Protein backbone atom coordinates (compact mmCIF):
# COMPACT_ATOMS: atom_id res chain seq x y z
CA MET A 1 19.74 -0.60 -15.12
CA ILE A 2 17.51 -3.19 -13.49
CA PHE A 3 14.32 -2.01 -11.81
CA THR A 4 12.45 -3.87 -9.11
CA PRO A 5 8.72 -4.45 -9.66
CA GLN A 6 8.06 -1.87 -6.92
CA GLN A 7 10.20 0.79 -8.67
CA PHE A 8 8.54 -0.01 -11.98
CA ALA A 9 5.10 0.29 -10.34
CA GLN A 10 5.95 3.68 -8.85
CA ALA A 11 7.08 4.98 -12.25
CA PHE A 12 4.05 3.52 -14.03
CA ILE A 13 1.53 4.99 -11.56
CA SER A 14 3.24 8.37 -11.76
CA ALA A 15 3.10 8.36 -15.57
CA PHE A 16 -0.47 7.03 -15.55
CA LEU A 17 -1.73 9.74 -13.21
CA ASP A 18 0.13 12.49 -15.12
CA THR A 19 -1.60 11.45 -18.37
CA LYS A 20 -4.98 12.66 -19.59
CA VAL A 21 -7.72 10.10 -18.98
CA GLU A 22 -8.39 9.58 -22.69
CA GLU A 23 -4.68 8.76 -23.27
CA ARG A 24 -4.19 6.35 -20.38
CA GLU A 25 -4.90 3.31 -22.52
CA ASN A 26 -1.85 4.26 -24.61
CA VAL A 27 0.30 4.38 -21.44
CA ILE A 28 -0.75 0.83 -20.64
CA ALA A 29 -0.07 -0.37 -24.21
CA ARG A 30 3.35 1.32 -24.32
CA THR A 31 4.26 -0.15 -20.94
CA ALA A 32 3.34 -3.65 -22.09
CA ASP A 33 5.40 -3.11 -25.25
CA VAL A 34 8.45 -1.97 -23.24
CA LEU A 35 8.19 -5.04 -21.01
CA LYS A 36 7.92 -7.32 -24.03
CA ARG A 37 10.83 -5.72 -25.94
CA SER A 38 13.09 -5.72 -22.88
CA GLY A 39 12.48 -9.41 -22.19
CA LYS A 40 10.68 -8.74 -18.91
CA SER A 41 7.44 -10.53 -19.84
CA LYS A 42 8.06 -13.18 -17.19
CA ARG A 43 8.01 -10.50 -14.47
CA ILE A 44 4.59 -9.14 -15.49
CA PRO A 45 2.69 -10.91 -12.65
CA GLN A 46 5.02 -9.39 -10.01
CA ILE A 47 4.84 -5.98 -11.70
CA ILE A 48 1.03 -6.07 -11.84
CA SER A 49 0.91 -7.02 -8.17
CA ALA A 50 3.26 -4.13 -7.32
CA ILE A 51 1.17 -1.72 -9.43
CA GLU A 52 -1.97 -2.80 -7.54
CA SER A 53 -0.21 -2.27 -4.19
CA VAL A 54 1.05 1.19 -5.16
CA TRP A 55 -2.36 2.14 -6.56
CA HIS A 56 -4.16 1.06 -3.40
CA ALA A 57 -1.65 2.91 -1.22
CA LYS A 58 -2.03 6.09 -3.30
CA THR A 59 -5.83 6.00 -3.38
CA GLY A 60 -6.31 4.74 0.17
CA ALA A 61 -8.21 1.73 -1.13
CA ASN A 62 -7.87 -1.73 0.34
CA LYS A 63 -7.56 -4.92 -1.65
CA VAL A 64 -9.40 -7.73 0.05
CA MET A 65 -9.10 -11.30 -1.19
CA LEU A 66 -11.82 -13.71 -0.18
CA HIS A 67 -10.72 -17.32 -0.71
CA SER A 68 -13.47 -19.90 -0.40
CA ALA A 69 -13.83 -23.63 -0.84
CA LEU A 70 -16.79 -23.18 -3.19
CA PRO A 71 -17.86 -20.43 -5.60
CA LEU A 72 -19.75 -17.62 -3.86
CA SER A 73 -22.78 -15.92 -5.35
CA THR A 74 -22.65 -12.21 -6.16
CA GLU A 75 -25.08 -11.68 -3.29
CA SER A 76 -22.78 -13.50 -0.84
CA VAL A 77 -19.79 -11.43 -1.96
CA GLN A 78 -21.78 -8.21 -1.46
CA MET A 79 -22.85 -9.37 1.99
CA MET A 80 -19.19 -10.01 2.86
CA LYS A 81 -18.25 -6.54 1.62
CA VAL A 82 -20.85 -5.01 3.95
CA ALA A 83 -19.90 -7.31 6.85
CA LEU A 84 -16.23 -6.36 6.50
CA GLY A 85 -17.12 -2.67 6.42
CA LEU A 86 -15.45 -2.06 3.07
CA LYS A 87 -15.74 1.32 1.38
CA ASP A 88 -16.74 1.96 -2.24
CA GLN A 89 -13.13 2.39 -3.36
CA ASP A 90 -12.08 -0.90 -1.72
CA VAL A 91 -11.73 -3.92 -3.98
CA LEU A 92 -13.10 -7.29 -2.90
CA GLU A 93 -12.02 -10.17 -5.06
CA ALA A 94 -13.52 -13.62 -4.48
CA ARG A 95 -11.60 -16.70 -5.57
CA VAL A 96 -12.14 -20.40 -5.21
CA ASP A 97 -9.18 -22.03 -3.48
CA PRO A 98 -9.08 -25.73 -4.36
CA THR A 99 -6.85 -26.42 -1.33
CA LEU A 100 -9.67 -25.46 1.04
CA VAL A 101 -12.02 -28.24 2.10
CA ALA A 102 -14.49 -25.85 3.70
CA GLY A 103 -14.64 -22.29 4.99
CA VAL A 104 -13.08 -19.00 3.94
CA VAL A 105 -9.78 -17.16 4.29
CA ILE A 106 -9.73 -13.36 4.04
CA ASN A 107 -6.59 -11.38 3.22
CA GLU A 108 -6.43 -7.59 3.25
CA ASN A 109 -3.56 -5.93 1.39
CA ASP A 110 -1.66 -9.26 1.38
CA ASN A 111 -2.09 -9.76 5.15
CA ARG A 112 -4.24 -12.57 6.50
CA ILE A 113 -6.92 -11.06 8.68
CA LEU A 114 -9.32 -13.95 9.12
CA ASP A 115 -8.95 -17.69 8.62
CA LEU A 116 -12.16 -19.63 9.05
CA SER A 117 -11.05 -22.61 7.00
CA PHE A 118 -11.50 -26.21 8.03
CA ARG A 119 -7.74 -26.68 7.69
CA SER A 120 -6.93 -23.96 10.25
CA ARG A 121 -9.50 -25.34 12.68
CA VAL A 122 -8.00 -28.83 12.44
CA ASN A 123 -4.47 -27.39 12.83
CA ASN A 124 -5.58 -25.43 15.90
CA LEU A 125 -7.17 -28.53 17.37
CA PHE A 126 -3.94 -30.54 17.07
CA ALA A 127 -1.75 -27.64 18.20
CA ARG A 128 -3.26 -27.79 21.70
């Protein structure tokens, strides 16, 4: 039987949450071993992404990606977290996007919520 990354994520999260905290590391190791032995190693990035989505949906946490043209300081990332009104359980991940000339793009739970990049401003200018 072939499982989608989403189905695999649901099963993993269920097993993970049903396991004692001190044994959860073993669940992760066994899961990685199953993926390796079944030849599914190439699908690990999609599975991890699905696990993150399921986890955030179950816990009510948001995953916010902050893409910037240049590296942001820890202080700048914290200021963005406050400015966006993120809660403690929310995850803010900052990444440098080499395709950006200037500005930032913010995605929440894989949906673009704010695009303040130079590229989008130029595109908007020529779209008029």
